[in-house]
């Protein structure tokens, strides 16, 4: 699902194929190129070789924790590191509501 031109390029990391398809299509309609990694290992390899403007990351991957992928991201020079990278968590639809 890679885009073309000089658009922003994001890596979407999630093992749910229907989710990444939906998100990728929505992002591309907004002019954002969306590349997909279905596993944490694949995301780590992509992050080491390719440049991305940001990452949409599932924390519950089948092979690695999303936090491990985040640690890999912080060590890579292919992700924008001159700015702070905001992180947020969106609970699974089946999860109970989060309370502080």
PDB file of N, CA and C in Angstrom:
ATOM      1  N   UNK A   1       0.812  -1.190   0.000  1.00  0.00           N
ATOM      2  CA  UNK A   1       0.000   0.000   0.000  1.00  0.00           C
ATOM      3  C   UNK A   1       0.855   1.253   0.000  1.00  0.00           C
ATOM      4  N   UNK A   2       1.940   1.236  -0.642  1.00  0.00           N
ATOM      5  CA  UNK A   2       2.811   2.402  -0.650  1.00  0.00           C
ATOM      6  C   UNK A   2       2.269   3.464  -1.584  1.00  0.00           C
ATOM      7  N   UNK A   3       2.424   4.708  -1.196  1.00  0.00           N
ATOM      8  CA  UNK A   3       1.981   5.830  -2.017  1.00  0.00           C
ATOM      9  C   UNK A   3       3.118   6.309  -2.891  1.00  0.00           C
ATOM     10  N   UNK A   4       2.844   7.345  -3.660  1.00  0.00           N
ATOM     11  CA  UNK A   4       3.854   7.883  -4.543  1.00  0.00           C
ATOM     12  C   UNK A   4       4.023   9.356  -4.263  1.00  0.00           C
ATOM     13  N   UNK A   5       5.065   9.945  -4.855  1.00  0.00           N
ATOM     14  CA  UNK A   5       5.273  11.367  -4.703  1.00  0.00           C
ATOM     15  C   UNK A   5       5.933  11.718  -3.383  1.00  0.00           C
ATOM     16  N   UNK A   6       5.762  12.984  -2.982  1.00  0.00           N
ATOM     17  CA  UNK A   6       6.407  13.495  -1.783  1.00  0.00           C
ATOM     18  C   UNK A   6       5.478  13.509  -0.583  1.00  0.00           C
ATOM     19  N   UNK A   7       4.506  12.631  -0.535  1.00  0.00           N
ATOM     20  CA  UNK A   7       3.559  12.610   0.577  1.00  0.00           C
ATOM     21  C   UNK A   7       4.222  12.072   1.832  1.00  0.00           C
ATOM     22  N   UNK A   8       3.585  12.332   2.967  1.00  0.00           N
ATOM     23  CA  UNK A   8       4.042  11.773   4.227  1.00  0.00           C
ATOM     24  C   UNK A   8       3.948  10.257   4.122  1.00  0.00           C
ATOM     25  N   UNK A   9       4.905   9.562   4.713  1.00  0.00           N
ATOM     26  CA  UNK A   9       4.928   8.100   4.635  1.00  0.00           C
ATOM     27  C   UNK A   9       4.910   7.524   6.046  1.00  0.00           C
ATOM     28  N   UNK A  10       3.879   6.717   6.341  1.00  0.00           N
ATOM     29  CA  UNK A  10       3.737   6.095   7.646  1.00  0.00           C
ATOM     30  C   UNK A  10       3.852   4.583   7.524  1.00  0.00           C
ATOM     31  N   UNK A  11       4.321   3.973   8.600  1.00  0.00           N
ATOM     32  CA  UNK A  11       4.333   2.519   8.691  1.00  0.00           C
ATOM     33  C   UNK A  11       3.215   2.109   9.634  1.00  0.00           C
ATOM     34  N   UNK A  12       2.304   1.277   9.153  1.00  0.00           N
ATOM     35  CA  UNK A  12       1.203   0.762   9.964  1.00  0.00           C
ATOM     36  C   UNK A  12       1.577  -0.660  10.369  1.00  0.00           C
ATOM     37  N   UNK A  13       1.683  -0.890  11.683  1.00  0.00           N
ATOM     38  CA  UNK A  13       2.124  -2.189  12.201  1.00  0.00           C
ATOM     39  C   UNK A  13       0.987  -2.810  12.997  1.00  0.00           C
ATOM     40  N   UNK A  14       0.395  -3.854  12.445  1.00  0.00           N
ATOM     41  CA  UNK A  14      -0.710  -4.551  13.113  1.00  0.00           C
ATOM     42  C   UNK A  14      -0.873  -5.906  12.451  1.00  0.00           C
ATOM     43  N   UNK A  15      -1.249  -6.933  13.232  1.00  0.00           N
ATOM     44  CA  UNK A  15      -1.431  -8.270  12.669  1.00  0.00           C
ATOM     45  C   UNK A  15      -2.837  -8.488  12.131  1.00  0.00           C
ATOM     46  N   UNK A  16      -3.720  -7.524  12.294  1.00  0.00           N
ATOM     47  CA  UNK A  16      -5.097  -7.626  11.818  1.00  0.00           C
ATOM     48  C   UNK A  16      -5.165  -7.080  10.391  1.00  0.00           C
ATOM     49  N   UNK A  17      -5.246  -7.981   9.418  1.00  0.00           N
ATOM     50  CA  UNK A  17      -5.198  -7.602   8.004  1.00  0.00           C
ATOM     51  C   UNK A  17      -6.347  -6.670   7.632  1.00  0.00           C
ATOM     52  N   UNK A  18      -7.539  -6.913   8.152  1.00  0.00           N
ATOM     53  CA  UNK A  18      -8.669  -6.037   7.809  1.00  0.00           C
ATOM     54  C   UNK A  18      -8.448  -4.636   8.368  1.00  0.00           C
ATOM     55  N   UNK A  19      -7.829  -4.525   9.552  1.00  0.00           N
ATOM     56  CA  UNK A  19      -7.551  -3.214  10.139  1.00  0.00           C
ATOM     57  C   UNK A  19      -6.537  -2.446   9.309  1.00  0.00           C
ATOM     58  N   UNK A  20      -5.411  -3.095   8.949  1.00  0.00           N
ATOM     59  CA  UNK A  20      -4.391  -2.375   8.191  1.00  0.00           C
ATOM     60  C   UNK A  20      -4.896  -2.005   6.797  1.00  0.00           C
ATOM     61  N   UNK A  21      -5.758  -2.836   6.236  1.00  0.00           N
ATOM     62  CA  UNK A  21      -6.347  -2.506   4.934  1.00  0.00           C
ATOM     63  C   UNK A  21      -7.229  -1.263   5.050  1.00  0.00           C
ATOM     64  N   UNK A  22      -8.077  -1.234   6.069  1.00  0.00           N
ATOM     65  CA  UNK A  22      -8.961  -0.091   6.298  1.00  0.00           C
ATOM     66  C   UNK A  22      -8.156   1.182   6.554  1.00  0.00           C
ATOM     67  N   UNK A  23      -7.195   1.106   7.476  1.00  0.00           N
ATOM     68  CA  UNK A  23      -6.394   2.281   7.833  1.00  0.00           C
ATOM     69  C   UNK A  23      -5.561   2.737   6.638  1.00  0.00           C
ATOM     70  N   UNK A  24      -4.955   1.795   5.943  1.00  0.00           N
ATOM     71  CA  UNK A  24      -4.152   2.146   4.778  1.00  0.00           C
ATOM     72  C   UNK A  24      -4.961   2.860   3.711  1.00  0.00           C
ATOM     73  N   UNK A  25      -6.153   2.367   3.439  1.00  0.00           N
ATOM     74  CA  UNK A  25      -7.025   2.998   2.448  1.00  0.00           C
ATOM     75  C   UNK A  25      -7.434   4.402   2.894  1.00  0.00           C
ATOM     76  N   UNK A  26      -7.794   4.538   4.176  1.00  0.00           N
ATOM     77  CA  UNK A  26      -8.198   5.849   4.701  1.00  0.00           C
ATOM     78  C   UNK A  26      -7.045   6.846   4.635  1.00  0.00           C
ATOM     79  N   UNK A  27      -5.849   6.418   5.013  1.00  0.00           N
ATOM     80  CA  UNK A  27      -4.694   7.313   4.971  1.00  0.00           C
ATOM     81  C   UNK A  27      -4.367   7.737   3.548  1.00  0.00           C
ATOM     82  N   UNK A  28      -4.409   6.800   2.621  1.00  0.00           N
ATOM     83  CA  UNK A  28      -4.092   7.135   1.239  1.00  0.00           C
ATOM     84  C   UNK A  28      -5.104   8.110   0.646  1.00  0.00           C
ATOM     85  N   UNK A  29      -6.362   8.017   1.056  1.00  0.00           N
ATOM     86  CA  UNK A  29      -7.363   8.997   0.606  1.00  0.00           C
ATOM     87  C   UNK A  29      -7.041  10.393   1.107  1.00  0.00           C
ATOM     88  N   UNK A  30      -6.299  10.459   2.219  1.00  0.00           N
ATOM     89  CA  UNK A  30      -5.876  11.743   2.775  1.00  0.00           C
ATOM     90  C   UNK A  30      -4.524  12.195   2.220  1.00  0.00           C
ATOM     91  N   UNK A  31      -3.965  11.419   1.300  1.00  0.00           N
ATOM     92  CA  UNK A  31      -2.682  11.760   0.706  1.00  0.00           C
ATOM     93  C   UNK A  31      -1.481  11.296   1.506  1.00  0.00           C
ATOM     94  N   UNK A  32      -1.703  10.351   2.421  1.00  0.00           N
ATOM     95  CA  UNK A  32      -0.624   9.816   3.248  1.00  0.00           C
ATOM     96  C   UNK A  32      -0.292   8.415   2.759  1.00  0.00           C
ATOM     97  N   UNK A  33       0.963   8.186   2.406  1.00  0.00           N
ATOM     98  CA  UNK A  33       1.386   6.860   1.958  1.00  0.00           C
ATOM     99  C   UNK A  33       1.445   5.936   3.167  1.00  0.00           C
ATOM    100  N   UNK A  34       0.864   4.752   3.040  1.00  0.00           N
ATOM    101  CA  UNK A  34       0.826   3.800   4.148  1.00  0.00           C
ATOM    102  C   UNK A  34       1.487   2.491   3.741  1.00  0.00           C
ATOM    103  N   UNK A  35       2.586   2.160   4.414  1.00  0.00           N
ATOM    104  CA  UNK A  35       3.230   0.865   4.247  1.00  0.00           C
ATOM    105  C   UNK A  35       2.792   0.000   5.423  1.00  0.00           C
ATOM    106  N   UNK A  36       2.781  -1.312   5.227  1.00  0.00           N
ATOM    107  CA  UNK A  36       2.243  -2.217   6.240  1.00  0.00           C
ATOM    108  C   UNK A  36       3.289  -3.233   6.682  1.00  0.00           C
ATOM    109  N   UNK A  37       3.331  -3.495   7.988  1.00  0.00           N
ATOM    110  CA  UNK A  37       4.096  -4.611   8.556  1.00  0.00           C
ATOM    111  C   UNK A  37       3.120  -5.384   9.430  1.00  0.00           C
ATOM    112  N   UNK A  38       3.037  -6.691   9.224  1.00  0.00           N
ATOM    113  CA  UNK A  38       2.082  -7.520   9.970  1.00  0.00           C
ATOM    114  C   UNK A  38       2.673  -8.132  11.237  1.00  0.00           C
ATOM    115  N   UNK A  39       3.988  -8.017  11.419  1.00  0.00           N
ATOM    116  CA  UNK A  39       4.637  -8.549  12.618  1.00  0.00           C
ATOM    117  C   UNK A  39       5.627  -7.515  13.157  1.00  0.00           C
ATOM    118  N   UNK A  40       6.008  -7.697  14.409  1.00  0.00           N
ATOM    119  CA  UNK A  40       7.006  -6.816  14.997  1.00  0.00           C
ATOM    120  C   UNK A  40       8.364  -6.976  14.341  1.00  0.00           C
ATOM    121  N   UNK A  41       8.728  -8.209  14.014  1.00  0.00           N
ATOM    122  CA  UNK A  41      10.017  -8.446  13.346  1.00  0.00           C
ATOM    123  C   UNK A  41      10.062  -7.766  11.987  1.00  0.00           C
ATOM    124  N   UNK A  42       8.980  -7.874  11.223  1.00  0.00           N
ATOM    125  CA  UNK A  42       8.914  -7.207   9.926  1.00  0.00           C
ATOM    126  C   UNK A  42       9.026  -5.695  10.095  1.00  0.00           C
ATOM    127  N   UNK A  43       8.347  -5.155  11.099  1.00  0.00           N
ATOM    128  CA  UNK A  43       8.426  -3.714  11.359  1.00  0.00           C
ATOM    129  C   UNK A  43       9.856  -3.305  11.674  1.00  0.00           C
ATOM    130  N   UNK A  44      10.534  -4.095  12.530  1.00  0.00           N
ATOM    131  CA  UNK A  44      11.912  -3.781  12.881  1.00  0.00           C
ATOM    132  C   UNK A  44      12.825  -3.764  11.674  1.00  0.00           C
ATOM    133  N   UNK A  45      12.670  -4.747  10.794  1.00  0.00           N
ATOM    134  CA  UNK A  45      13.490  -4.795   9.574  1.00  0.00           C
ATOM    135  C   UNK A  45      13.205  -3.594   8.676  1.00  0.00           C
ATOM    136  N   UNK A  46      11.920  -3.264   8.520  1.00  0.00           N
ATOM    137  CA  UNK A  46      11.551  -2.119   7.672  1.00  0.00           C
ATOM    138  C   UNK A  46      12.102  -0.820   8.241  1.00  0.00           C
ATOM    139  N   UNK A  47      12.019  -0.665   9.567  1.00  0.00           N
ATOM    140  CA  UNK A  47      12.486   0.563  10.208  1.00  0.00           C
ATOM    141  C   UNK A  47      13.996   0.735  10.084  1.00  0.00           C
ATOM    142  N   UNK A  48      14.720  -0.363  10.009  1.00  0.00           N
ATOM    143  CA  UNK A  48      16.171  -0.290   9.873  1.00  0.00           C
ATOM    144  C   UNK A  48      16.602   0.075   8.455  1.00  0.00           C
ATOM    145  N   UNK A  49      15.737  -0.210   7.457  1.00  0.00           N
ATOM    146  CA  UNK A  49      16.110   0.002   6.059  1.00  0.00           C
ATOM    147  C   UNK A  49      15.426   1.188   5.396  1.00  0.00           C
ATOM    148  N   UNK A  50      14.263   1.595   5.892  1.00  0.00           N
ATOM    149  CA  UNK A  50      13.460   2.588   5.184  1.00  0.00           C
ATOM    150  C   UNK A  50      13.110   3.758   6.093  1.00  0.00           C
ATOM    151  N   UNK A  51      12.907   4.920   5.489  1.00  0.00           N
ATOM    152  CA  UNK A  51      12.559   6.123   6.240  1.00  0.00           C
ATOM    153  C   UNK A  51      11.042   6.298   6.304  1.00  0.00           C
ATOM    154  N   UNK A  52      10.543   6.612   7.498  1.00  0.00           N
ATOM    155  CA  UNK A  52       9.116   6.854   7.709  1.00  0.00           C
ATOM    156  C   UNK A  52       8.935   8.129   8.515  1.00  0.00           C
ATOM    157  N   UNK A  53       7.868   8.850   8.243  1.00  0.00           N
ATOM    158  CA  UNK A  53       7.552  10.057   8.991  1.00  0.00           C
ATOM    159  C   UNK A  53       6.877   9.757  10.305  1.00  0.00           C
ATOM    160  N   UNK A  54       6.387   8.536  10.462  1.00  0.00           N
ATOM    161  CA  UNK A  54       5.720   8.132  11.694  1.00  0.00           C
ATOM    162  C   UNK A  54       5.301   6.684  11.614  1.00  0.00           C
ATOM    163  N   UNK A  55       4.836   6.167  12.744  1.00  0.00           N
ATOM    164  CA  UNK A  55       4.447   4.760  12.834  1.00  0.00           C
ATOM    165  C   UNK A  55       3.153   4.651  13.625  1.00  0.00           C
ATOM    166  N   UNK A  56       2.206   3.902  13.098  1.00  0.00           N
ATOM    167  CA  UNK A  56       0.990   3.536  13.819  1.00  0.00           C
ATOM    168  C   UNK A  56       1.217   2.101  14.264  1.00  0.00           C
ATOM    169  N   UNK A  57       1.325   1.886  15.578  1.00  0.00           N
ATOM    170  CA  UNK A  57       1.851   0.630  16.100  1.00  0.00           C
ATOM    171  C   UNK A  57       0.891  -0.052  17.059  1.00  0.00           C
ATOM    172  N   UNK A  58       0.576  -1.307  16.764  1.00  0.00           N
ATOM    173  CA  UNK A  58      -0.197  -2.157  17.672  1.00  0.00           C
ATOM    174  C   UNK A  58       0.735  -2.607  18.792  1.00  0.00           C
ATOM    175  N   UNK A  59       0.275  -2.557  20.026  1.00  0.00           N
ATOM    176  CA  UNK A  59       1.116  -2.978  21.142  1.00  0.00           C
ATOM    177  C   UNK A  59       1.076  -4.481  21.375  1.00  0.00           C
ATOM    178  N   UNK A  60       0.065  -5.168  20.827  1.00  0.00           N
ATOM    179  CA  UNK A  60      -0.085  -6.610  21.039  1.00  0.00           C
ATOM    180  C   UNK A  60       0.117  -7.362  19.728  1.00  0.00           C
ATOM    181  N   UNK A  61       1.374  -7.542  19.351  1.00  0.00           N
ATOM    182  CA  UNK A  61       1.706  -8.269  18.131  1.00  0.00           C
ATOM    183  C   UNK A  61       1.978  -9.722  18.483  1.00  0.00           C
ATOM    184  N   UNK A  62       1.839 -10.635  17.510  1.00  0.00           N
ATOM    185  CA  UNK A  62       2.005 -12.056  17.820  1.00  0.00           C
ATOM    186  C   UNK A  62       3.441 -12.463  18.154  1.00  0.00           C
ATOM    187  N   UNK A  63       4.420 -11.729  17.634  1.00  0.00           N
ATOM    188  CA  UNK A  63       5.810 -12.147  17.830  1.00  0.00           C
ATOM    189  C   UNK A  63       6.606 -11.265  18.789  1.00  0.00           C
ATOM    190  N   UNK A  64       6.248 -10.016  18.911  1.00  0.00           N
ATOM    191  CA  UNK A  64       6.943  -9.072  19.782  1.00  0.00           C
ATOM    192  C   UNK A  64       5.923  -8.149  20.430  1.00  0.00           C
ATOM    193  N   UNK A  65       6.311  -7.580  21.549  1.00  0.00           N
ATOM    194  CA  UNK A  65       5.488  -6.519  22.111  1.00  0.00           C
ATOM    195  C   UNK A  65       5.717  -5.246  21.309  1.00  0.00           C
ATOM    196  N   UNK A  66       4.684  -4.448  21.164  1.00  0.00           N
ATOM    197  CA  UNK A  66       4.834  -3.176  20.464  1.00  0.00           C
ATOM    198  C   UNK A  66       5.896  -2.300  21.101  1.00  0.00           C
ATOM    199  N   UNK A  67       6.072  -2.407  22.425  1.00  0.00           N
ATOM    200  CA  UNK A  67       7.099  -1.619  23.101  1.00  0.00           C
ATOM    201  C   UNK A  67       8.502  -2.020  22.645  1.00  0.00           C
ATOM    202  N   UNK A  68       8.692  -3.287  22.280  1.00  0.00           N
ATOM    203  CA  UNK A  68       9.978  -3.706  21.733  1.00  0.00           C
ATOM    204  C   UNK A  68      10.222  -3.067  20.374  1.00  0.00           C
ATOM    205  N   UNK A  69       9.173  -2.972  19.578  1.00  0.00           N
ATOM    206  CA  UNK A  69       9.282  -2.298  18.272  1.00  0.00           C
ATOM    207  C   UNK A  69       9.591  -0.823  18.493  1.00  0.00           C
ATOM    208  N   UNK A  70       8.961  -0.225  19.484  1.00  0.00           N
ATOM    209  CA  UNK A  70       9.214   1.181  19.805  1.00  0.00           C
ATOM    210  C   UNK A  70      10.684   1.387  20.186  1.00  0.00           C
ATOM    211  N   UNK A  71      11.246   0.464  20.948  1.00  0.00           N
ATOM    212  CA  UNK A  71      12.670   0.556  21.303  1.00  0.00           C
ATOM    213  C   UNK A  71      13.547   0.483  20.047  1.00  0.00           C
ATOM    214  N   UNK A  72      13.188  -0.396  19.117  1.00  0.00           N
ATOM    215  CA  UNK A  72      13.925  -0.498  17.851  1.00  0.00           C
ATOM    216  C   UNK A  72      13.834   0.817  17.093  1.00  0.00           C
ATOM    217  N   UNK A  73      12.636   1.400  17.070  1.00  0.00           N
ATOM    218  CA  UNK A  73      12.438   2.681  16.391  1.00  0.00           C
ATOM    219  C   UNK A  73      13.366   3.751  16.944  1.00  0.00           C
ATOM    220  N   UNK A  74      13.494   3.788  18.240  1.00  0.00           N
ATOM    221  CA  UNK A  74      14.312   4.827  18.867  1.00  0.00           C
ATOM    222  C   UNK A  74      15.787   4.678  18.507  1.00  0.00           C
ATOM    223  N   UNK A  75      16.220   3.466  18.168  1.00  0.00           N
ATOM    224  CA  UNK A  75      17.625   3.226  17.798  1.00  0.00           C
ATOM    225  C   UNK A  75      17.888   3.443  16.311  1.00  0.00           C
ATOM    226  N   UNK A  76      16.833   3.583  15.509  1.00  0.00           N
ATOM    227  CA  UNK A  76      16.995   3.707  14.057  1.00  0.00           C
ATOM    228  C   UNK A  76      17.113   5.169  13.648  1.00  0.00           C
ATOM    229  N   UNK A  77      17.933   5.419  12.649  1.00  0.00           N
ATOM    230  CA  UNK A  77      18.033   6.782  12.142  1.00  0.00           C
ATOM    231  C   UNK A  77      17.093   7.013  10.957  1.00  0.00           C
ATOM    232  N   UNK A  78      16.241   6.037  10.655  1.00  0.00           N
ATOM    233  CA  UNK A  78      15.315   6.182   9.542  1.00  0.00           C
ATOM    234  C   UNK A  78      13.987   6.803   9.956  1.00  0.00           C
ATOM    235  N   UNK A  79      13.768   6.958  11.259  1.00  0.00           N
ATOM    236  CA  UNK A  79      12.561   7.598  11.765  1.00  0.00           C
ATOM    237  C   UNK A  79      12.956   8.982  12.240  1.00  0.00           C
ATOM    238  N   UNK A  80      12.093   9.950  11.991  1.00  0.00           N
ATOM    239  CA  UNK A  80      12.389  11.314  12.403  1.00  0.00           C
ATOM    240  C   UNK A  80      12.658  11.330  13.905  1.00  0.00           C
ATOM    241  N   UNK A  81      13.877  11.702  14.288  1.00  0.00           N
ATOM    242  CA  UNK A  81      14.231  11.705  15.710  1.00  0.00           C
ATOM    243  C   UNK A  81      14.573  13.101  16.216  1.00  0.00           C
ATOM    244  N   UNK A  82      14.547  14.097  15.339  1.00  0.00           N
ATOM    245  CA  UNK A  82      14.896  15.439  15.784  1.00  0.00           C
ATOM    246  C   UNK A  82      13.751  16.072  16.572  1.00  0.00           C
ATOM    247  N   UNK A  83      12.583  15.462  16.516  1.00  0.00           N
ATOM    248  CA  UNK A  83      11.428  15.946  17.266  1.00  0.00           C
ATOM    249  C   UNK A  83      10.985  14.854  18.215  1.00  0.00           C
ATOM    250  N   UNK A  84      10.203  15.237  19.166  1.00  0.00           N
ATOM    251  CA  UNK A  84       9.607  14.227  20.047  1.00  0.00           C
ATOM    252  C   UNK A  84       8.573  13.435  19.258  1.00  0.00           C
ATOM    253  N   UNK A  85       8.503  12.168  19.540  1.00  0.00           N
ATOM    254  CA  UNK A  85       7.540  11.295  18.871  1.00  0.00           C
ATOM    255  C   UNK A  85       6.398  11.021  19.834  1.00  0.00           C
ATOM    256  N   UNK A  86       5.228  11.636  19.584  1.00  0.00           N
ATOM    257  CA  UNK A  86       4.109  11.410  20.510  1.00  0.00           C
ATOM    258  C   UNK A  86       3.596   9.978  20.390  1.00  0.00           C
ATOM    259  N   UNK A  87       3.225   9.413  21.510  1.00  0.00           N
ATOM    260  CA  UNK A  87       2.687   8.062  21.548  1.00  0.00           C
ATOM    261  C   UNK A  87       1.371   8.083  22.308  1.00  0.00           C
ATOM    262  N   UNK A  88       0.435   7.307  21.832  1.00  0.00           N
ATOM    263  CA  UNK A  88      -0.819   7.155  22.562  1.00  0.00           C
ATOM    264  C   UNK A  88      -1.294   5.732  22.371  1.00  0.00           C
ATOM    265  N   UNK A  89      -2.183   5.311  23.234  1.00  0.00           N
ATOM    266  CA  UNK A  89      -2.702   3.953  23.165  1.00  0.00           C
ATOM    267  C   UNK A  89      -4.204   4.007  22.947  1.00  0.00           C
ATOM    268  N   UNK A  90      -4.670   3.229  21.997  1.00  0.00           N
ATOM    269  CA  UNK A  90      -6.096   3.081  21.748  1.00  0.00           C
ATOM    270  C   UNK A  90      -6.463   1.661  22.128  1.00  0.00           C
ATOM    271  N   UNK A  91      -7.375   1.481  23.085  1.00  0.00           N
ATOM    272  CA  UNK A  91      -7.710   0.126  23.523  1.00  0.00           C
ATOM    273  C   UNK A  91      -8.436  -0.656  22.440  1.00  0.00           C
ATOM    274  N   UNK A  92      -8.319  -1.964  22.528  1.00  0.00           N
ATOM    275  CA  UNK A  92      -9.073  -2.853  21.643  1.00  0.00           C
ATOM    276  C   UNK A  92     -10.561  -2.595  21.858  1.00  0.00           C
ATOM    277  N   UNK A  93     -11.376  -2.737  20.826  1.00  0.00           N
ATOM    278  CA  UNK A  93     -12.825  -2.521  20.999  1.00  0.00           C
ATOM    279  C   UNK A  93     -13.444  -3.411  22.074  1.00  0.00           C
ATOM    280  N   UNK A  94     -12.877  -4.592  22.291  1.00  0.00           N
ATOM    281  CA  UNK A  94     -13.438  -5.502  23.282  1.00  0.00           C
ATOM    282  C   UNK A  94     -12.903  -5.229  24.688  1.00  0.00           C
ATOM    283  N   UNK A  95     -11.943  -4.309  24.817  1.00  0.00           N
ATOM    284  CA  UNK A  95     -11.370  -4.009  26.126  1.00  0.00           C
ATOM    285  C   UNK A  95     -12.309  -3.132  26.942  1.00  0.00           C
ATOM    286  N   UNK A  96     -12.258  -3.279  28.269  1.00  0.00           N
ATOM    287  CA  UNK A  96     -13.064  -2.390  29.097  1.00  0.00           C
ATOM    288  C   UNK A  96     -12.550  -0.963  28.996  1.00  0.00           C
ATOM    289  N   UNK A  97     -13.375   0.024  29.252  1.00  0.00           N
ATOM    290  CA  UNK A  97     -12.917   1.415  29.160  1.00  0.00           C
ATOM    291  C   UNK A  97     -11.748   1.664  30.101  1.00  0.00           C
ATOM    292  N   UNK A  98     -10.781   2.427  29.595  1.00  0.00           N
ATOM    293  CA  UNK A  98      -9.614   2.760  30.378  1.00  0.00           C
ATOM    294  C   UNK A  98      -9.972   3.840  31.383  1.00  0.00           C
ATOM    295  N   UNK A  99      -9.481   3.706  32.575  1.00  0.00           N
ATOM    296  CA  UNK A  99      -9.709   4.706  33.625  1.00  0.00           C
ATOM    297  C   UNK A  99      -8.361   5.087  34.229  1.00  0.00           C
ATOM    298  N   UNK A 100      -8.098   6.395  34.391  1.00  0.00           N
ATOM    299  CA  UNK A 100      -6.817   6.809  34.990  1.00  0.00           C
ATOM    300  C   UNK A 100      -6.751   6.443  36.458  1.00  0.00           C
TER     301      UNK A 100
END
